[in-house]
Amino acid sequence: MPPTDAELREALHRRVVTDVGYHAPNDAAREAHEQIRLHTETLAHLMIDLCPPGRELSLGLTKLIDEAMAHFNAAVARNHDRL
């Protein structure tokens, strides 16, 4: 079931207004960020080893590093109090 209009508006408010600003990470969040970076790098090296050079590899690495890692870090940063 899709979210209601009110749920979408609340989520928007939380992402744009409430979550704005720097919140110092706790120890668990720092460790999670470190693990995300470490494992992202490990996976990137594996993909370089397995895939031939070219556009697809470059796009995959961009998606992994610039997009996926950013989303995982955002998940930790926005919810570090739940770790």
PDB file of N, CA and C in Angstrom:
ATOM      1  N   MET A   1       0.846  -1.179   0.000  1.00  0.00           N
ATOM      2  CA  MET A   1       0.000   0.000   0.000  1.00  0.00           C
ATOM      3  C   MET A   1       0.892   1.244   0.000  1.00  0.00           C
ATOM      4  N   PRO A   2       0.686   2.137  -0.936  1.00  0.00           N
ATOM      5  CA  PRO A   2       1.527   3.338  -1.007  1.00  0.00           C
ATOM      6  C   PRO A   2       1.290   4.257   0.193  1.00  0.00           C
ATOM      7  N   PRO A   3       2.291   5.056   0.521  1.00  0.00           N
ATOM      8  CA  PRO A   3       2.127   5.973   1.646  1.00  0.00           C
ATOM      9  C   PRO A   3       1.037   7.007   1.358  1.00  0.00           C
ATOM     10  N   THR A   4       0.422   7.465   2.420  1.00  0.00           N
ATOM     11  CA  THR A   4      -0.612   8.499   2.282  1.00  0.00           C
ATOM     12  C   THR A   4       0.058   9.838   2.019  1.00  0.00           C
ATOM     13  N   ASP A   5      -0.749  10.794   1.601  1.00  0.00           N
ATOM     14  CA  ASP A   5      -0.254  12.149   1.373  1.00  0.00           C
ATOM     15  C   ASP A   5       0.359  12.711   2.651  1.00  0.00           C
ATOM     16  N   ALA A   6      -0.294  12.486   3.776  1.00  0.00           N
ATOM     17  CA  ALA A   6       0.213  12.979   5.057  1.00  0.00           C
ATOM     18  C   ALA A   6       1.556  12.331   5.403  1.00  0.00           C
ATOM     19  N   GLU A   7       1.695  11.032   5.130  1.00  0.00           N
ATOM     20  CA  GLU A   7       2.961  10.343   5.400  1.00  0.00           C
ATOM     21  C   GLU A   7       4.079  10.880   4.512  1.00  0.00           C
ATOM     22  N   LEU A   8       3.766  11.140   3.255  1.00  0.00           N
ATOM     23  CA  LEU A   8       4.762  11.716   2.353  1.00  0.00           C
ATOM     24  C   LEU A   8       5.197  13.098   2.822  1.00  0.00           C
ATOM     25  N   ARG A   9       4.222  13.896   3.251  1.00  0.00           N
ATOM     26  CA  ARG A   9       4.545  15.248   3.722  1.00  0.00           C
ATOM     27  C   ARG A   9       5.386  15.208   5.001  1.00  0.00           C
ATOM     28  N   GLU A  10       5.092  14.286   5.901  1.00  0.00           N
ATOM     29  CA  GLU A  10       5.870  14.141   7.131  1.00  0.00           C
ATOM     30  C   GLU A  10       7.295  13.694   6.798  1.00  0.00           C
ATOM     31  N   ALA A  11       7.431  12.747   5.888  1.00  0.00           N
ATOM     32  CA  ALA A  11       8.758  12.279   5.487  1.00  0.00           C
ATOM     33  C   ALA A  11       9.553  13.407   4.829  1.00  0.00           C
ATOM     34  N   LEU A  12       8.890  14.184   4.002  1.00  0.00           N
ATOM     35  CA  LEU A  12       9.533  15.324   3.368  1.00  0.00           C
ATOM     36  C   LEU A  12      10.015  16.317   4.418  1.00  0.00           C
ATOM     37  N   HIS A  13       9.161  16.656   5.364  1.00  0.00           N
ATOM     38  CA  HIS A  13       9.528  17.595   6.431  1.00  0.00           C
ATOM     39  C   HIS A  13      10.730  17.069   7.211  1.00  0.00           C
ATOM     40  N   ARG A  14      10.715  15.787   7.529  1.00  0.00           N
ATOM     41  CA  ARG A  14      11.804  15.188   8.302  1.00  0.00           C
ATOM     42  C   ARG A  14      13.120  15.272   7.525  1.00  0.00           C
ATOM     43  N   ARG A  15      13.082  14.991   6.233  1.00  0.00           N
ATOM     44  CA  ARG A  15      14.300  14.989   5.424  1.00  0.00           C
ATOM     45  C   ARG A  15      14.817  16.389   5.132  1.00  0.00           C
ATOM     46  N   VAL A  16      13.916  17.357   4.950  1.00  0.00           N
ATOM     47  CA  VAL A  16      14.333  18.695   4.553  1.00  0.00           C
ATOM     48  C   VAL A  16      14.579  19.612   5.746  1.00  0.00           C
ATOM     49  N   VAL A  17      13.785  19.496   6.784  1.00  0.00           N
ATOM     50  CA  VAL A  17      13.873  20.425   7.904  1.00  0.00           C
ATOM     51  C   VAL A  17      14.521  19.792   9.127  1.00  0.00           C
ATOM     52  N   THR A  18      14.003  18.672   9.578  1.00  0.00           N
ATOM     53  CA  THR A  18      14.454  18.070  10.829  1.00  0.00           C
ATOM     54  C   THR A  18      15.862  17.518  10.736  1.00  0.00           C
ATOM     55  N   ASP A  19      16.192  16.842   9.641  1.00  0.00           N
ATOM     56  CA  ASP A  19      17.488  16.186   9.510  1.00  0.00           C
ATOM     57  C   ASP A  19      18.599  17.121   9.051  1.00  0.00           C
ATOM     58  N   VAL A  20      18.291  18.402   8.877  1.00  0.00           N
ATOM     59  CA  VAL A  20      19.291  19.355   8.416  1.00  0.00           C
ATOM     60  C   VAL A  20      20.239  19.677   9.558  1.00  0.00           C
ATOM     61  N   GLY A  21      21.479  19.825   9.211  1.00  0.00           N
ATOM     62  CA  GLY A  21      22.470  20.186  10.215  1.00  0.00           C
ATOM     63  C   GLY A  21      23.359  19.016  10.553  1.00  0.00           C
ATOM     64  N   TYR A  22      24.422  19.322  11.220  1.00  0.00           N
ATOM     65  CA  TYR A  22      25.401  18.306  11.574  1.00  0.00           C
ATOM     66  C   TYR A  22      25.074  17.721  12.929  1.00  0.00           C
ATOM     67  N   HIS A  23      25.075  16.412  12.991  1.00  0.00           N
ATOM     68  CA  HIS A  23      24.901  15.695  14.241  1.00  0.00           C
ATOM     69  C   HIS A  23      26.135  14.816  14.405  1.00  0.00           C
ATOM     70  N   ALA A  24      26.915  15.076  15.421  1.00  0.00           N
ATOM     71  CA  ALA A  24      28.144  14.305  15.622  1.00  0.00           C
ATOM     72  C   ALA A  24      27.807  12.824  15.752  1.00  0.00           C
ATOM     73  N   PRO A  25      28.529  11.977  15.025  1.00  0.00           N
ATOM     74  CA  PRO A  25      28.244  10.545  15.102  1.00  0.00           C
ATOM     75  C   PRO A  25      28.709   9.957  16.425  1.00  0.00           C
ATOM     76  N   ASN A  26      27.965   8.981  16.903  1.00  0.00           N
ATOM     77  CA  ASN A  26      28.401   8.257  18.097  1.00  0.00           C
ATOM     78  C   ASN A  26      29.410   7.198  17.658  1.00  0.00           C
ATOM     79  N   ASP A  27      29.938   6.447  18.600  1.00  0.00           N
ATOM     80  CA  ASP A  27      30.957   5.449  18.272  1.00  0.00           C
ATOM     81  C   ASP A  27      30.443   4.393  17.303  1.00  0.00           C
ATOM     82  N   ALA A  28      29.209   3.958  17.482  1.00  0.00           N
ATOM     83  CA  ALA A  28      28.638   2.942  16.594  1.00  0.00           C
ATOM     84  C   ALA A  28      28.509   3.482  15.171  1.00  0.00           C
ATOM     85  N   ALA A  29      28.114   4.739  15.033  1.00  0.00           N
ATOM     86  CA  ALA A  29      27.980   5.343  13.709  1.00  0.00           C
ATOM     87  C   ALA A  29      29.350   5.504  13.053  1.00  0.00           C
ATOM     88  N   ARG A  30      30.347   5.930  13.818  1.00  0.00           N
ATOM     89  CA  ARG A  30      31.696   6.055  13.264  1.00  0.00           C
ATOM     90  C   ARG A  30      32.186   4.704  12.737  1.00  0.00           C
ATOM     91  N   GLU A  31      31.957   3.656  13.509  1.00  0.00           N
ATOM     92  CA  GLU A  31      32.361   2.314  13.090  1.00  0.00           C
ATOM     93  C   GLU A  31      31.587   1.884  11.841  1.00  0.00           C
ATOM     94  N   ALA A  32      30.294   2.176  11.781  1.00  0.00           N
ATOM     95  CA  ALA A  32      29.494   1.815  10.616  1.00  0.00           C
ATOM     96  C   ALA A  32      30.004   2.531   9.368  1.00  0.00           C
ATOM     97  N   HIS A  33      30.297   3.835   9.487  1.00  0.00           N
ATOM     98  CA  HIS A  33      30.837   4.586   8.346  1.00  0.00           C
ATOM     99  C   HIS A  33      32.165   3.992   7.892  1.00  0.00           C
ATOM    100  N   GLU A  34      33.010   3.641   8.824  1.00  0.00           N
ATOM    101  CA  GLU A  34      34.300   3.046   8.488  1.00  0.00           C
ATOM    102  C   GLU A  34      34.120   1.720   7.758  1.00  0.00           C
ATOM    103  N   GLN A  35      33.211   0.887   8.253  1.00  0.00           N
ATOM    104  CA  GLN A  35      32.952  -0.408   7.616  1.00  0.00           C
ATOM    105  C   GLN A  35      32.360  -0.233   6.217  1.00  0.00           C
ATOM    106  N   ILE A  36      31.480   0.732   6.057  1.00  0.00           N
ATOM    107  CA  ILE A  36      30.897   1.007   4.740  1.00  0.00           C
ATOM    108  C   ILE A  36      31.992   1.383   3.756  1.00  0.00           C
ATOM    109  N   ARG A  37      32.884   2.302   4.165  1.00  0.00           N
ATOM    110  CA  ARG A  37      33.983   2.700   3.282  1.00  0.00           C
ATOM    111  C   ARG A  37      34.886   1.520   2.961  1.00  0.00           C
ATOM    112  N   LEU A  38      35.255   0.750   3.970  1.00  0.00           N
ATOM    113  CA  LEU A  38      36.151  -0.390   3.788  1.00  0.00           C
ATOM    114  C   LEU A  38      35.566  -1.414   2.819  1.00  0.00           C
ATOM    115  N   HIS A  39      34.320  -1.784   3.034  1.00  0.00           N
ATOM    116  CA  HIS A  39      33.707  -2.815   2.203  1.00  0.00           C
ATOM    117  C   HIS A  39      33.359  -2.303   0.812  1.00  0.00           C
ATOM    118  N   THR A  40      33.067  -1.021   0.695  1.00  0.00           N
ATOM    119  CA  THR A  40      32.852  -0.439  -0.626  1.00  0.00           C
ATOM    120  C   THR A  40      34.146  -0.503  -1.426  1.00  0.00           C
ATOM    121  N   GLU A  41      35.251  -0.153  -0.793  1.00  0.00           N
ATOM    122  CA  GLU A  41      36.539  -0.221  -1.482  1.00  0.00           C
ATOM    123  C   GLU A  41      36.871  -1.661  -1.875  1.00  0.00           C
ATOM    124  N   THR A  42      36.633  -2.602  -0.958  1.00  0.00           N
ATOM    125  CA  THR A  42      36.900  -4.012  -1.249  1.00  0.00           C
ATOM    126  C   THR A  42      36.082  -4.477  -2.444  1.00  0.00           C
ATOM    127  N   LEU A  43      34.797  -4.142  -2.463  1.00  0.00           N
ATOM    128  CA  LEU A  43      33.942  -4.538  -3.585  1.00  0.00           C
ATOM    129  C   LEU A  43      34.393  -3.866  -4.875  1.00  0.00           C
ATOM    130  N   ALA A  44      34.789  -2.606  -4.805  1.00  0.00           N
ATOM    131  CA  ALA A  44      35.261  -1.910  -6.005  1.00  0.00           C
ATOM    132  C   ALA A  44      36.504  -2.596  -6.573  1.00  0.00           C
ATOM    133  N   HIS A  45      37.446  -2.980  -5.700  1.00  0.00           N
ATOM    134  CA  HIS A  45      38.641  -3.686  -6.165  1.00  0.00           C
ATOM    135  C   HIS A  45      38.267  -5.021  -6.802  1.00  0.00           C
ATOM    136  N   LEU A  46      37.324  -5.734  -6.222  1.00  0.00           N
ATOM    137  CA  LEU A  46      36.877  -7.008  -6.783  1.00  0.00           C
ATOM    138  C   LEU A  46      36.286  -6.807  -8.168  1.00  0.00           C
ATOM    139  N   MET A  47      35.479  -5.775  -8.339  1.00  0.00           N
ATOM    140  CA  MET A  47      34.864  -5.513  -9.634  1.00  0.00           C
ATOM    141  C   MET A  47      35.928  -5.148 -10.671  1.00  0.00           C
ATOM    142  N   ILE A  48      36.954  -4.403 -10.256  1.00  0.00           N
ATOM    143  CA  ILE A  48      38.045  -4.073 -11.170  1.00  0.00           C
ATOM    144  C   ILE A  48      38.764  -5.347 -11.595  1.00  0.00           C
ATOM    145  N   ASP A  49      38.938  -6.285 -10.659  1.00  0.00           N
ATOM    146  CA  ASP A  49      39.585  -7.557 -10.978  1.00  0.00           C
ATOM    147  C   ASP A  49      38.732  -8.431 -11.898  1.00  0.00           C
ATOM    148  N   LEU A  50      37.421  -8.404 -11.736  1.00  0.00           N
ATOM    149  CA  LEU A  50      36.536  -9.305 -12.466  1.00  0.00           C
ATOM    150  C   LEU A  50      36.051  -8.773 -13.810  1.00  0.00           C
ATOM    151  N   CYS A  51      35.938  -7.468 -13.931  1.00  0.00           N
ATOM    152  CA  CYS A  51      35.317  -6.877 -15.113  1.00  0.00           C
ATOM    153  C   CYS A  51      36.364  -6.259 -16.035  1.00  0.00           C
ATOM    154  N   PRO A  52      36.143  -6.390 -17.328  1.00  0.00           N
ATOM    155  CA  PRO A  52      37.071  -5.724 -18.252  1.00  0.00           C
ATOM    156  C   PRO A  52      36.886  -4.209 -18.183  1.00  0.00           C
ATOM    157  N   PRO A  53      37.958  -3.471 -18.453  1.00  0.00           N
ATOM    158  CA  PRO A  53      37.836  -2.011 -18.462  1.00  0.00           C
ATOM    159  C   PRO A  53      36.815  -1.568 -19.499  1.00  0.00           C
ATOM    160  N   GLY A  54      36.148  -0.493 -19.202  1.00  0.00           N
ATOM    161  CA  GLY A  54      35.194   0.050 -20.161  1.00  0.00           C
ATOM    162  C   GLY A  54      34.133   0.886 -19.481  1.00  0.00           C
ATOM    163  N   ARG A  55      33.215   1.314 -20.296  1.00  0.00           N
ATOM    164  CA  ARG A  55      32.144   2.200 -19.837  1.00  0.00           C
ATOM    165  C   ARG A  55      31.316   1.572 -18.717  1.00  0.00           C
ATOM    166  N   GLU A  56      30.975   0.291 -18.875  1.00  0.00           N
ATOM    167  CA  GLU A  56      30.119  -0.373 -17.889  1.00  0.00           C
ATOM    168  C   GLU A  56      30.806  -0.457 -16.527  1.00  0.00           C
ATOM    169  N   LEU A  57      32.095  -0.790 -16.531  1.00  0.00           N
ATOM    170  CA  LEU A  57      32.833  -0.839 -15.267  1.00  0.00           C
ATOM    171  C   LEU A  57      32.885   0.547 -14.637  1.00  0.00           C
ATOM    172  N   SER A  58      33.180   1.553 -15.444  1.00  0.00           N
ATOM    173  CA  SER A  58      33.226   2.921 -14.920  1.00  0.00           C
ATOM    174  C   SER A  58      31.894   3.348 -14.328  1.00  0.00           C
ATOM    175  N   LEU A  59      30.800   3.049 -15.042  1.00  0.00           N
ATOM    176  CA  LEU A  59      29.474   3.396 -14.532  1.00  0.00           C
ATOM    177  C   LEU A  59      29.164   2.630 -13.250  1.00  0.00           C
ATOM    178  N   GLY A  60      29.506   1.353 -13.225  1.00  0.00           N
ATOM    179  CA  GLY A  60      29.274   0.555 -12.026  1.00  0.00           C
ATOM    180  C   GLY A  60      30.036   1.090 -10.826  1.00  0.00           C
ATOM    181  N   LEU A  61      31.290   1.467 -11.029  1.00  0.00           N
ATOM    182  CA  LEU A  61      32.083   2.016  -9.929  1.00  0.00           C
ATOM    183  C   LEU A  61      31.519   3.353  -9.461  1.00  0.00           C
ATOM    184  N   THR A  62      31.061   4.167 -10.415  1.00  0.00           N
ATOM    185  CA  THR A  62      30.445   5.446 -10.042  1.00  0.00           C
ATOM    186  C   THR A  62      29.193   5.211  -9.214  1.00  0.00           C
ATOM    187  N   LYS A  63      28.352   4.287  -9.643  1.00  0.00           N
ATOM    188  CA  LYS A  63      27.121   3.990  -8.900  1.00  0.00           C
ATOM    189  C   LYS A  63      27.452   3.463  -7.512  1.00  0.00           C
ATOM    190  N   LEU A  64      28.444   2.584  -7.426  1.00  0.00           N
ATOM    191  CA  LEU A  64      28.826   2.004  -6.141  1.00  0.00           C
ATOM    192  C   LEU A  64      29.362   3.066  -5.189  1.00  0.00           C
ATOM    193  N   ILE A  65      30.281   3.875  -5.668  1.00  0.00           N
ATOM    194  CA  ILE A  65      30.965   4.820  -4.790  1.00  0.00           C
ATOM    195  C   ILE A  65      30.148   6.090  -4.580  1.00  0.00           C
ATOM    196  N   ASP A  66      29.726   6.712  -5.673  1.00  0.00           N
ATOM    197  CA  ASP A  66      29.055   8.001  -5.552  1.00  0.00           C
ATOM    198  C   ASP A  66      27.601   7.900  -5.129  1.00  0.00           C
ATOM    199  N   GLU A  67      26.958   6.796  -5.427  1.00  0.00           N
ATOM    200  CA  GLU A  67      25.542   6.685  -5.097  1.00  0.00           C
ATOM    201  C   GLU A  67      25.282   5.728  -3.946  1.00  0.00           C
ATOM    202  N   ALA A  68      25.641   4.459  -4.117  1.00  0.00           N
ATOM    203  CA  ALA A  68      25.315   3.470  -3.082  1.00  0.00           C
ATOM    204  C   ALA A  68      25.987   3.810  -1.756  1.00  0.00           C
ATOM    205  N   MET A  69      27.288   4.094  -1.782  1.00  0.00           N
ATOM    206  CA  MET A  69      27.975   4.407  -0.537  1.00  0.00           C
ATOM    207  C   MET A  69      27.378   5.659   0.116  1.00  0.00           C
ATOM    208  N   ALA A  70      27.023   6.638  -0.692  1.00  0.00           N
ATOM    209  CA  ALA A  70      26.415   7.851  -0.151  1.00  0.00           C
ATOM    210  C   ALA A  70      25.080   7.552   0.532  1.00  0.00           C
ATOM    211  N   HIS A  71      24.280   6.684  -0.072  1.00  0.00           N
ATOM    212  CA  HIS A  71      22.994   6.321   0.537  1.00  0.00           C
ATOM    213  C   HIS A  71      23.192   5.541   1.830  1.00  0.00           C
ATOM    214  N   PHE A  72      24.147   4.612   1.837  1.00  0.00           N
ATOM    215  CA  PHE A  72      24.408   3.843   3.059  1.00  0.00           C
ATOM    216  C   PHE A  72      24.908   4.758   4.173  1.00  0.00           C
ATOM    217  N   ASN A  73      25.801   5.682   3.843  1.00  0.00           N
ATOM    218  CA  ASN A  73      26.288   6.622   4.855  1.00  0.00           C
ATOM    219  C   ASN A  73      25.170   7.546   5.342  1.00  0.00           C
ATOM    220  N   ALA A  74      24.290   7.943   4.439  1.00  0.00           N
ATOM    221  CA  ALA A  74      23.152   8.777   4.846  1.00  0.00           C
ATOM    222  C   ALA A  74      22.230   8.011   5.783  1.00  0.00           C
ATOM    223  N   ALA A  75      22.033   6.716   5.517  1.00  0.00           N
ATOM    224  CA  ALA A  75      21.196   5.897   6.398  1.00  0.00           C
ATOM    225  C   ALA A  75      21.767   5.866   7.810  1.00  0.00           C
ATOM    226  N   VAL A  76      23.072   5.732   7.917  1.00  0.00           N
ATOM    227  CA  VAL A  76      23.718   5.728   9.237  1.00  0.00           C
ATOM    228  C   VAL A  76      23.619   7.113   9.874  1.00  0.00           C
ATOM    229  N   ALA A  77      23.954   8.154   9.102  1.00  0.00           N
ATOM    230  CA  ALA A  77      23.972   9.514   9.643  1.00  0.00           C
ATOM    231  C   ALA A  77      22.599   9.962  10.130  1.00  0.00           C
ATOM    232  N   ARG A  78      21.569   9.607   9.378  1.00  0.00           N
ATOM    233  CA  ARG A  78      20.223  10.042   9.741  1.00  0.00           C
ATOM    234  C   ARG A  78      19.608   9.213  10.869  1.00  0.00           C
ATOM    235  N   ASN A  79      20.190   8.068  11.135  1.00  0.00           N
ATOM    236  CA  ASN A  79      19.603   7.161  12.134  1.00  0.00           C
ATOM    237  C   ASN A  79      20.629   6.679  13.138  1.00  0.00           C
ATOM    238  N   HIS A  80      21.703   7.448  13.362  1.00  0.00           N
ATOM    239  CA  HIS A  80      22.775   6.968  14.233  1.00  0.00           C
ATOM    240  C   HIS A  80      22.311   6.711  15.658  1.00  0.00           C
ATOM    241  N   ASP A  81      21.240   7.342  16.047  1.00  0.00           N
ATOM    242  CA  ASP A  81      20.706   7.108  17.393  1.00  0.00           C
ATOM    243  C   ASP A  81      20.053   5.733  17.526  1.00  0.00           C
ATOM    244  N   ARG A  82      19.821   5.044  16.405  1.00  0.00           N
ATOM    245  CA  ARG A  82      19.202   3.714  16.443  1.00  0.00           C
ATOM    246  C   ARG A  82      20.229   2.598  16.315  1.00  0.00           C
ATOM    247  N   LEU A  83      21.509   2.935  16.239  1.00  0.00           N
ATOM    248  CA  LEU A  83      22.553   1.916  16.112  1.00  0.00           C
ATOM    249  C   LEU A  83      22.908   1.353  17.459  1.00  0.00           C
TER     250      LEU A  83
END
